[in-house]
Amino acid sequence: MISAEKMLWNRIKTPIIAGLRFRRRTNGACSTVFFCDRAGMVVRINGTTHKKSTQQNIAGEKGLLTMWFGHDEVANNLDGVVDTITRCAVMRMREI
């Protein structure tokens, strides 16, 4: 994992709110996926446009919400990114 991914993982690896628990999966050197089963959502850091649309379609077919954040966004606005993830996850849990 690169530093922005480590920063985010350190913030979301323990339950944030309402018992949300994320798991981490690294896809090679440049893609890390964070998954919260309870909220039915996937969080990704960066990715190419082609892979992004393909992966988003697969996740959407499974009923998962996919959130994308850039490395710079995570590094420069970690609190805002974590807040956005938390709010979306809580809203998703209310829908499920």
PDB file of N, CA and C in Angstrom:
ATOM      1  N   MET A   1       0.841  -1.189   0.000  1.00  0.00           N
ATOM      2  CA  MET A   1       0.000   0.000   0.000  1.00  0.00           C
ATOM      3  C   MET A   1       0.878   1.241   0.000  1.00  0.00           C
ATOM      4  N   ILE A   2       0.419   2.238  -0.705  1.00  0.00           N
ATOM      5  CA  ILE A   2       1.133   3.508  -0.674  1.00  0.00           C
ATOM      6  C   ILE A   2       0.642   4.324   0.506  1.00  0.00           C
ATOM      7  N   SER A   3       1.262   5.448   0.750  1.00  0.00           N
ATOM      8  CA  SER A   3       0.994   6.192   1.974  1.00  0.00           C
ATOM      9  C   SER A   3      -0.458   6.664   2.135  1.00  0.00           C
ATOM     10  N   ALA A   4      -1.111   7.144   1.069  1.00  0.00           N
ATOM     11  CA  ALA A   4      -2.505   7.587   1.200  1.00  0.00           C
ATOM     12  C   ALA A   4      -3.394   6.414   1.592  1.00  0.00           C
ATOM     13  N   GLU A   5      -3.134   5.257   1.035  1.00  0.00           N
ATOM     14  CA  GLU A   5      -3.918   4.071   1.379  1.00  0.00           C
ATOM     15  C   GLU A   5      -3.663   3.654   2.826  1.00  0.00           C
ATOM     16  N   LYS A   6      -2.431   3.746   3.269  1.00  0.00           N
ATOM     17  CA  LYS A   6      -2.119   3.434   4.669  1.00  0.00           C
ATOM     18  C   LYS A   6      -2.818   4.397   5.610  1.00  0.00           C
ATOM     19  N   MET A   7      -2.802   5.685   5.237  1.00  0.00           N
ATOM     20  CA  MET A   7      -3.467   6.699   6.063  1.00  0.00           C
ATOM     21  C   MET A   7      -4.949   6.360   6.225  1.00  0.00           C
ATOM     22  N   LEU A   8      -5.610   6.044   5.111  1.00  0.00           N
ATOM     23  CA  LEU A   8      -7.036   5.732   5.165  1.00  0.00           C
ATOM     24  C   LEU A   8      -7.279   4.441   5.938  1.00  0.00           C
ATOM     25  N   TRP A   9      -6.479   3.418   5.673  1.00  0.00           N
ATOM     26  CA  TRP A   9      -6.647   2.136   6.356  1.00  0.00           C
ATOM     27  C   TRP A   9      -6.503   2.305   7.866  1.00  0.00           C
ATOM     28  N   ASN A  10      -5.546   3.104   8.297  1.00  0.00           N
ATOM     29  CA  ASN A  10      -5.370   3.323   9.735  1.00  0.00           C
ATOM     30  C   ASN A  10      -6.587   3.969  10.379  1.00  0.00           C
ATOM     31  N   ARG A  11      -7.353   4.715   9.609  1.00  0.00           N
ATOM     32  CA  ARG A  11      -8.545   5.373  10.138  1.00  0.00           C
ATOM     33  C   ARG A  11      -9.794   4.488  10.085  1.00  0.00           C
ATOM     34  N   ILE A  12      -9.880   3.567   9.112  1.00  0.00           N
ATOM     35  CA  ILE A  12     -11.129   2.811   8.964  1.00  0.00           C
ATOM     36  C   ILE A  12     -11.004   1.336   9.339  1.00  0.00           C
ATOM     37  N   LYS A  13      -9.820   0.887   9.764  1.00  0.00           N
ATOM     38  CA  LYS A  13      -9.651  -0.540  10.048  1.00  0.00           C
ATOM     39  C   LYS A  13     -10.350  -0.984  11.330  1.00  0.00           C
ATOM     40  N   THR A  14     -10.611  -0.058  12.222  1.00  0.00           N
ATOM     41  CA  THR A  14     -11.405  -0.384  13.403  1.00  0.00           C
ATOM     42  C   THR A  14     -12.799   0.193  13.190  1.00  0.00           C
ATOM     43  N   PRO A  15     -13.809  -0.382  13.812  1.00  0.00           N
ATOM     44  CA  PRO A  15     -15.172   0.127  13.585  1.00  0.00           C
ATOM     45  C   PRO A  15     -15.261   1.636  13.815  1.00  0.00           C
ATOM     46  N   ILE A  16     -15.782   2.345  12.806  1.00  0.00           N
ATOM     47  CA  ILE A  16     -15.881   3.800  12.855  1.00  0.00           C
ATOM     48  C   ILE A  16     -17.089   4.223  13.683  1.00  0.00           C
ATOM     49  N   ILE A  17     -18.240   3.757  13.282  1.00  0.00           N
ATOM     50  CA  ILE A  17     -19.501   4.134  13.906  1.00  0.00           C
ATOM     51  C   ILE A  17     -20.496   3.018  13.620  1.00  0.00           C
ATOM     52  N   ALA A  18     -21.377   2.778  14.509  1.00  0.00           N
ATOM     53  CA  ALA A  18     -22.433   1.775  14.327  1.00  0.00           C
ATOM     54  C   ALA A  18     -21.868   0.401  13.962  1.00  0.00           C
ATOM     55  N   GLY A  19     -20.667   0.096  14.439  1.00  0.00           N
ATOM     56  CA  GLY A  19     -20.102  -1.224  14.207  1.00  0.00           C
ATOM     57  C   GLY A  19     -19.615  -1.496  12.797  1.00  0.00           C
ATOM     58  N   LEU A  20     -19.348  -0.441  12.012  1.00  0.00           N
ATOM     59  CA  LEU A  20     -18.854  -0.645  10.653  1.00  0.00           C
ATOM     60  C   LEU A  20     -17.457  -1.242  10.697  1.00  0.00           C
ATOM     61  N   ARG A  21     -17.268  -2.313   9.968  1.00  0.00           N
ATOM     62  CA  ARG A  21     -15.959  -2.954   9.920  1.00  0.00           C
ATOM     63  C   ARG A  21     -15.557  -3.115   8.459  1.00  0.00           C
ATOM     64  N   PHE A  22     -14.408  -2.579   8.115  1.00  0.00           N
ATOM     65  CA  PHE A  22     -13.887  -2.683   6.761  1.00  0.00           C
ATOM     66  C   PHE A  22     -12.817  -3.754   6.681  1.00  0.00           C
ATOM     67  N   ARG A  23     -12.752  -4.406   5.535  1.00  0.00           N
ATOM     68  CA  ARG A  23     -11.680  -5.344   5.234  1.00  0.00           C
ATOM     69  C   ARG A  23     -10.860  -4.744   4.097  1.00  0.00           C
ATOM     70  N   ARG A  24      -9.606  -5.137   3.995  1.00  0.00           N
ATOM     71  CA  ARG A  24      -8.714  -4.590   2.985  1.00  0.00           C
ATOM     72  C   ARG A  24      -8.236  -5.703   2.060  1.00  0.00           C
ATOM     73  N   ARG A  25      -8.189  -5.370   0.784  1.00  0.00           N
ATOM     74  CA  ARG A  25      -7.630  -6.288  -0.203  1.00  0.00           C
ATOM     75  C   ARG A  25      -6.778  -5.485  -1.170  1.00  0.00           C
ATOM     76  N   THR A  26      -5.562  -5.905  -1.380  1.00  0.00           N
ATOM     77  CA  THR A  26      -4.664  -5.216  -2.301  1.00  0.00           C
ATOM     78  C   THR A  26      -4.629  -5.964  -3.617  1.00  0.00           C
ATOM     79  N   ASN A  27      -4.851  -5.234  -4.700  1.00  0.00           N
ATOM     80  CA  ASN A  27      -4.817  -5.806  -6.049  1.00  0.00           C
ATOM     81  C   ASN A  27      -3.552  -5.340  -6.750  1.00  0.00           C
ATOM     82  N   GLY A  28      -2.451  -5.962  -6.484  1.00  0.00           N
ATOM     83  CA  GLY A  28      -1.206  -5.547  -7.115  1.00  0.00           C
ATOM     84  C   GLY A  28      -0.622  -4.330  -6.427  1.00  0.00           C
ATOM     85  N   ALA A  29       0.273  -3.677  -7.129  1.00  0.00           N
ATOM     86  CA  ALA A  29       1.024  -2.576  -6.530  1.00  0.00           C
ATOM     87  C   ALA A  29       0.241  -1.278  -6.470  1.00  0.00           C
ATOM     88  N   CYS A  30      -0.817  -1.122  -7.264  1.00  0.00           N
ATOM     89  CA  CYS A  30      -1.418   0.217  -7.359  1.00  0.00           C
ATOM     90  C   CYS A  30      -2.904   0.274  -7.038  1.00  0.00           C
ATOM     91  N   SER A  31      -3.493  -0.762  -6.488  1.00  0.00           N
ATOM     92  CA  SER A  31      -4.917  -0.694  -6.199  1.00  0.00           C
ATOM     93  C   SER A  31      -5.240  -1.405  -4.893  1.00  0.00           C
ATOM     94  N   THR A  32      -5.849  -0.686  -3.989  1.00  0.00           N
ATOM     95  CA  THR A  32      -6.293  -1.266  -2.732  1.00  0.00           C
ATOM     96  C   THR A  32      -7.790  -1.057  -2.610  1.00  0.00           C
ATOM     97  N   VAL A  33      -8.477  -2.087  -2.163  1.00  0.00           N
ATOM     98  CA  VAL A  33      -9.925  -2.057  -2.025  1.00  0.00           C
ATOM     99  C   VAL A  33     -10.261  -2.218  -0.546  1.00  0.00           C
ATOM    100  N   PHE A  34     -11.152  -1.374  -0.060  1.00  0.00           N
ATOM    101  CA  PHE A  34     -11.671  -1.493   1.294  1.00  0.00           C
ATOM    102  C   PHE A  34     -13.148  -1.851   1.166  1.00  0.00           C
ATOM    103  N   PHE A  35     -13.595  -2.886   1.864  1.00  0.00           N
ATOM    104  CA  PHE A  35     -14.954  -3.395   1.713  1.00  0.00           C
ATOM    105  C   PHE A  35     -15.651  -3.451   3.059  1.00  0.00           C
ATOM    106  N   CYS A  36     -16.879  -2.936   3.098  1.00  0.00           N
ATOM    107  CA  CYS A  36     -17.709  -3.026   4.300  1.00  0.00           C
ATOM    108  C   CYS A  36     -18.956  -3.825   3.943  1.00  0.00           C
ATOM    109  N   ASP A  37     -18.997  -5.049   4.402  1.00  0.00           N
ATOM    110  CA  ASP A  37     -20.113  -5.942   4.087  1.00  0.00           C
ATOM    111  C   ASP A  37     -21.426  -5.423   4.656  1.00  0.00           C
ATOM    112  N   ARG A  38     -21.393  -4.944   5.883  1.00  0.00           N
ATOM    113  CA  ARG A  38     -22.616  -4.501   6.555  1.00  0.00           C
ATOM    114  C   ARG A  38     -23.298  -3.353   5.816  1.00  0.00           C
ATOM    115  N   ALA A  39     -22.505  -2.450   5.241  1.00  0.00           N
ATOM    116  CA  ALA A  39     -23.067  -1.315   4.507  1.00  0.00           C
ATOM    117  C   ALA A  39     -23.162  -1.599   3.011  1.00  0.00           C
ATOM    118  N   GLY A  40     -22.621  -2.710   2.568  1.00  0.00           N
ATOM    119  CA  GLY A  40     -22.662  -3.048   1.149  1.00  0.00           C
ATOM    120  C   GLY A  40     -21.935  -2.025   0.294  1.00  0.00           C
ATOM    121  N   MET A  41     -20.715  -1.697   0.714  1.00  0.00           N
ATOM    122  CA  MET A  41     -19.982  -0.688  -0.047  1.00  0.00           C
ATOM    123  C   MET A  41     -18.509  -1.026  -0.181  1.00  0.00           C
ATOM    124  N   VAL A  42     -17.951  -0.503  -1.269  1.00  0.00           N
ATOM    125  CA  VAL A  42     -16.549  -0.680  -1.605  1.00  0.00           C
ATOM    126  C   VAL A  42     -15.920   0.705  -1.681  1.00  0.00           C
ATOM    127  N   VAL A  43     -14.744   0.860  -1.101  1.00  0.00           N
ATOM    128  CA  VAL A  43     -14.003   2.120  -1.182  1.00  0.00           C
ATOM    129  C   VAL A  43     -12.695   1.820  -1.897  1.00  0.00           C
ATOM    130  N   ARG A  44     -12.408   2.604  -2.941  1.00  0.00           N
ATOM    131  CA  ARG A  44     -11.185   2.420  -3.727  1.00  0.00           C
ATOM    132  C   ARG A  44     -10.395   3.712  -3.745  1.00  0.00           C
ATOM    133  N   ILE A  45      -9.086   3.550  -3.781  1.00  0.00           N
ATOM    134  CA  ILE A  45      -8.188   4.684  -3.922  1.00  0.00           C
ATOM    135  C   ILE A  45      -7.623   4.624  -5.331  1.00  0.00           C
ATOM    136  N   ASN A  46      -7.929   5.647  -6.135  1.00  0.00           N
ATOM    137  CA  ASN A  46      -7.498   5.775  -7.529  1.00  0.00           C
ATOM    138  C   ASN A  46      -7.929   4.608  -8.403  1.00  0.00           C
ATOM    139  N   GLY A  47      -7.303   4.450  -9.540  1.00  0.00           N
ATOM    140  CA  GLY A  47      -7.647   3.434 -10.529  1.00  0.00           C
ATOM    141  C   GLY A  47      -7.800   4.082 -11.890  1.00  0.00           C
ATOM    142  N   THR A  48      -7.619   3.294 -12.915  1.00  0.00           N
ATOM    143  CA  THR A  48      -7.753   3.838 -14.260  1.00  0.00           C
ATOM    144  C   THR A  48      -9.218   3.917 -14.657  1.00  0.00           C
ATOM    145  N   THR A  49      -9.521   4.755 -15.626  1.00  0.00           N
ATOM    146  CA  THR A  49     -10.907   4.950 -16.065  1.00  0.00           C
ATOM    147  C   THR A  49     -11.514   3.649 -16.556  1.00  0.00           C
ATOM    148  N   HIS A  50     -10.765   2.878 -17.365  1.00  0.00           N
ATOM    149  CA  HIS A  50     -11.299   1.620 -17.911  1.00  0.00           C
ATOM    150  C   HIS A  50     -11.611   0.637 -16.795  1.00  0.00           C
ATOM    151  N   LYS A  51     -10.638   0.422 -15.934  1.00  0.00           N
ATOM    152  CA  LYS A  51     -10.855  -0.506 -14.824  1.00  0.00           C
ATOM    153  C   LYS A  51     -11.946   0.006 -13.910  1.00  0.00           C
ATOM    154  N   LYS A  52     -11.972   1.319 -13.699  1.00  0.00           N
ATOM    155  CA  LYS A  52     -12.952   1.915 -12.797  1.00  0.00           C
ATOM    156  C   LYS A  52     -14.361   1.602 -13.275  1.00  0.00           C
ATOM    157  N   SER A  53     -14.657   1.809 -14.555  1.00  0.00           N
ATOM    158  CA  SER A  53     -16.018   1.574 -15.018  1.00  0.00           C
ATOM    159  C   SER A  53     -16.355   0.089 -15.007  1.00  0.00           C
ATOM    160  N   THR A  54     -15.402  -0.767 -15.356  1.00  0.00           N
ATOM    161  CA  THR A  54     -15.649  -2.212 -15.330  1.00  0.00           C
ATOM    162  C   THR A  54     -15.905  -2.686 -13.904  1.00  0.00           C
ATOM    163  N   GLN A  55     -15.048  -2.272 -12.981  1.00  0.00           N
ATOM    164  CA  GLN A  55     -15.194  -2.692 -11.590  1.00  0.00           C
ATOM    165  C   GLN A  55     -16.464  -2.128 -10.970  1.00  0.00           C
ATOM    166  N   GLN A  56     -16.813  -0.899 -11.341  1.00  0.00           N
ATOM    167  CA  GLN A  56     -18.026  -0.294 -10.793  1.00  0.00           C
ATOM    168  C   GLN A  56     -19.255  -1.036 -11.297  1.00  0.00           C
ATOM    169  N   ASN A  57     -19.249  -1.454 -12.557  1.00  0.00           N
ATOM    170  CA  ASN A  57     -20.375  -2.218 -13.095  1.00  0.00           C
ATOM    171  C   ASN A  57     -20.540  -3.538 -12.365  1.00  0.00           C
ATOM    172  N   ILE A  58     -19.442  -4.229 -12.113  1.00  0.00           N
ATOM    173  CA  ILE A  58     -19.502  -5.512 -11.398  1.00  0.00           C
ATOM    174  C   ILE A  58     -20.046  -5.298  -9.990  1.00  0.00           C
ATOM    175  N   ALA A  59     -19.524  -4.288  -9.278  1.00  0.00           N
ATOM    176  CA  ALA A  59     -19.992  -4.009  -7.921  1.00  0.00           C
ATOM    177  C   ALA A  59     -21.460  -3.614  -7.933  1.00  0.00           C
ATOM    178  N   GLY A  60     -21.866  -2.789  -8.914  1.00  0.00           N
ATOM    179  CA  GLY A  60     -23.259  -2.352  -9.011  1.00  0.00           C
ATOM    180  C   GLY A  60     -24.203  -3.499  -9.246  1.00  0.00           C
ATOM    181  N   GLU A  61     -23.789  -4.476 -10.046  1.00  0.00           N
ATOM    182  CA  GLU A  61     -24.624  -5.651 -10.294  1.00  0.00           C
ATOM    183  C   GLU A  61     -24.842  -6.444  -9.015  1.00  0.00           C
ATOM    184  N   LYS A  62     -23.901  -6.364  -8.101  1.00  0.00           N
ATOM    185  CA  LYS A  62     -24.019  -7.074  -6.826  1.00  0.00           C
ATOM    186  C   LYS A  62     -24.695  -6.214  -5.766  1.00  0.00           C
ATOM    187  N   GLY A  63     -25.136  -5.026  -6.157  1.00  0.00           N
ATOM    188  CA  GLY A  63     -25.832  -4.137  -5.222  1.00  0.00           C
ATOM    189  C   GLY A  63     -24.905  -3.371  -4.296  1.00  0.00           C
ATOM    190  N   LEU A  64     -23.634  -3.256  -4.654  1.00  0.00           N
ATOM    191  CA  LEU A  64     -22.673  -2.559  -3.811  1.00  0.00           C
ATOM    192  C   LEU A  64     -22.479  -1.117  -4.287  1.00  0.00           C
ATOM    193  N   LEU A  65     -22.321  -0.218  -3.354  1.00  0.00           N
ATOM    194  CA  LEU A  65     -21.971   1.157  -3.653  1.00  0.00           C
ATOM    195  C   LEU A  65     -20.456   1.234  -3.731  1.00  0.00           C
ATOM    196  N   THR A  66     -19.919   1.828  -4.800  1.00  0.00           N
ATOM    197  CA  THR A  66     -18.480   1.999  -4.933  1.00  0.00           C
ATOM    198  C   THR A  66     -18.137   3.467  -4.790  1.00  0.00           C
ATOM    199  N   MET A  67     -17.217   3.755  -3.891  1.00  0.00           N
ATOM    200  CA  MET A  67     -16.740   5.125  -3.687  1.00  0.00           C
ATOM    201  C   MET A  67     -15.283   5.176  -4.122  1.00  0.00           C
ATOM    202  N   TRP A  68     -14.918   6.223  -4.880  1.00  0.00           N
ATOM    203  CA  TRP A  68     -13.557   6.404  -5.375  1.00  0.00           C
ATOM    204  C   TRP A  68     -12.974   7.682  -4.806  1.00  0.00           C
ATOM    205  N   PHE A  69     -11.742   7.592  -4.345  1.00  0.00           N
ATOM    206  CA  PHE A  69     -11.024   8.768  -3.860  1.00  0.00           C
ATOM    207  C   PHE A  69      -9.626   8.755  -4.449  1.00  0.00           C
ATOM    208  N   GLY A  70      -9.118   9.918  -4.799  1.00  0.00           N
ATOM    209  CA  GLY A  70      -7.762  10.035  -5.307  1.00  0.00           C
ATOM    210  C   GLY A  70      -6.751  10.060  -4.182  1.00  0.00           C
ATOM    211  N   HIS A  71      -5.509   9.698  -4.501  1.00  0.00           N
ATOM    212  CA  HIS A  71      -4.436   9.718  -3.496  1.00  0.00           C
ATOM    213  C   HIS A  71      -4.299  11.096  -2.870  1.00  0.00           C
ATOM    214  N   ASP A  72      -4.318  12.143  -3.708  1.00  0.00           N
ATOM    215  CA  ASP A  72      -4.165  13.510  -3.190  1.00  0.00           C
ATOM    216  C   ASP A  72      -5.316  13.897  -2.268  1.00  0.00           C
ATOM    217  N   GLU A  73      -6.513  13.493  -2.633  1.00  0.00           N
ATOM    218  CA  GLU A  73      -7.682  13.816  -1.807  1.00  0.00           C
ATOM    219  C   GLU A  73      -7.553  13.196  -0.423  1.00  0.00           C
ATOM    220  N   VAL A  74      -7.125  11.934  -0.375  1.00  0.00           N
ATOM    221  CA  VAL A  74      -6.952  11.254   0.914  1.00  0.00           C
ATOM    222  C   VAL A  74      -5.833  11.921   1.712  1.00  0.00           C
ATOM    223  N   ALA A  75      -4.710  12.182   1.052  1.00  0.00           N
ATOM    224  CA  ALA A  75      -3.558  12.766   1.748  1.00  0.00           C
ATOM    225  C   ALA A  75      -3.844  14.173   2.264  1.00  0.00           C
ATOM    226  N   ASN A  76      -4.612  14.964   1.507  1.00  0.00           N
ATOM    227  CA  ASN A  76      -4.847  16.364   1.871  1.00  0.00           C
ATOM    228  C   ASN A  76      -6.132  16.607   2.642  1.00  0.00           C
ATOM    229  N   ASN A  77      -7.043  15.631   2.665  1.00  0.00           N
ATOM    230  CA  ASN A  77      -8.335  15.827   3.316  1.00  0.00           C
ATOM    231  C   ASN A  77      -8.821  14.527   3.945  1.00  0.00           C
ATOM    232  N   LEU A  78      -7.971  13.895   4.730  1.00  0.00           N
ATOM    233  CA  LEU A  78      -8.297  12.598   5.319  1.00  0.00           C
ATOM    234  C   LEU A  78      -9.566  12.649   6.163  1.00  0.00           C
ATOM    235  N   ASP A  79      -9.710  13.673   6.997  1.00  0.00           N
ATOM    236  CA  ASP A  79     -10.912  13.778   7.834  1.00  0.00           C
ATOM    237  C   ASP A  79     -12.174  13.873   6.984  1.00  0.00           C
ATOM    238  N   GLY A  80     -12.118  14.651   5.905  1.00  0.00           N
ATOM    239  CA  GLY A  80     -13.271  14.787   5.014  1.00  0.00           C
ATOM    240  C   GLY A  80     -13.613  13.488   4.313  1.00  0.00           C
ATOM    241  N   VAL A  81     -12.590  12.749   3.891  1.00  0.00           N
ATOM    242  CA  VAL A  81     -12.813  11.456   3.232  1.00  0.00           C
ATOM    243  C   VAL A  81     -13.448  10.468   4.208  1.00  0.00           C
ATOM    244  N   VAL A  82     -12.922  10.383   5.412  1.00  0.00           N
ATOM    245  CA  VAL A  82     -13.470   9.473   6.422  1.00  0.00           C
ATOM    246  C   VAL A  82     -14.907   9.872   6.767  1.00  0.00           C
ATOM    247  N   ASP A  83     -15.170  11.166   6.872  1.00  0.00           N
ATOM    248  CA  ASP A  83     -16.530  11.637   7.146  1.00  0.00           C
ATOM    249  C   ASP A  83     -17.484  11.245   6.025  1.00  0.00           C
ATOM    250  N   THR A  84     -17.057  11.404   4.787  1.00  0.00           N
ATOM    251  CA  THR A  84     -17.891  11.029   3.639  1.00  0.00           C
ATOM    252  C   THR A  84     -18.172   9.539   3.637  1.00  0.00           C
ATOM    253  N   ILE A  85     -17.157   8.731   3.883  1.00  0.00           N
ATOM    254  CA  ILE A  85     -17.335   7.275   3.933  1.00  0.00           C
ATOM    255  C   ILE A  85     -18.298   6.900   5.043  1.00  0.00           C
ATOM    256  N   THR A  86     -18.124   7.501   6.202  1.00  0.00           N
ATOM    257  CA  THR A  86     -18.982   7.193   7.350  1.00  0.00           C
ATOM    258  C   THR A  86     -20.441   7.558   7.068  1.00  0.00           C
ATOM    259  N   ARG A  87     -20.669   8.776   6.542  1.00  0.00           N
ATOM    260  CA  ARG A  87     -22.042   9.201   6.256  1.00  0.00           C
ATOM    261  C   ARG A  87     -22.703   8.293   5.218  1.00  0.00           C
ATOM    262  N   CYS A  88     -21.973   7.961   4.172  1.00  0.00           N
ATOM    263  CA  CYS A  88     -22.542   7.083   3.136  1.00  0.00           C
ATOM    264  C   CYS A  88     -22.824   5.692   3.683  1.00  0.00           C
ATOM    265  N   ALA A  89     -21.928   5.181   4.501  1.00  0.00           N
ATOM    266  CA  ALA A  89     -22.127   3.840   5.071  1.00  0.00           C
ATOM    267  C   ALA A  89     -23.357   3.813   5.980  1.00  0.00           C
ATOM    268  N   VAL A  90     -23.520   4.830   6.807  1.00  0.00           N
ATOM    269  CA  VAL A  90     -24.688   4.883   7.697  1.00  0.00           C
ATOM    270  C   VAL A  90     -25.972   4.973   6.873  1.00  0.00           C
ATOM    271  N   MET A  91     -25.972   5.793   5.824  1.00  0.00           N
ATOM    272  CA  MET A  91     -27.154   5.899   4.957  1.00  0.00           C
ATOM    273  C   MET A  91     -27.441   4.560   4.278  1.00  0.00           C
ATOM    274  N   ARG A  92     -26.405   3.872   3.809  1.00  0.00           N
ATOM    275  CA  ARG A  92     -26.588   2.570   3.161  1.00  0.00           C
ATOM    276  C   ARG A  92     -27.177   1.546   4.130  1.00  0.00           C
ATOM    277  N   MET A  93     -26.730   1.559   5.370  1.00  0.00           N
ATOM    278  CA  MET A  93     -27.248   0.595   6.350  1.00  0.00           C
ATOM    279  C   MET A  93     -28.736   0.844   6.610  1.00  0.00           C
ATOM    280  N   ARG A  94     -29.167   2.085   6.539  1.00  0.00           N
ATOM    281  CA  ARG A  94     -30.583   2.398   6.723  1.00  0.00           C
ATOM    282  C   ARG A  94     -31.413   1.881   5.551  1.00  0.00           C
ATOM    283  N   GLU A  95     -30.806   1.832   4.346  1.00  0.00           N
ATOM    284  CA  GLU A  95     -31.500   1.365   3.148  1.00  0.00           C
ATOM    285  C   GLU A  95     -31.599  -0.148   3.090  1.00  0.00           C
ATOM    286  N   ILE A  96     -30.608  -0.809   3.654  1.00  0.00           N
ATOM    287  CA  ILE A  96     -30.542  -2.282   3.541  1.00  0.00           C
ATOM    288  C   ILE A  96     -31.512  -2.943   4.481  1.00  0.00           C
TER     289      ILE A  96
END
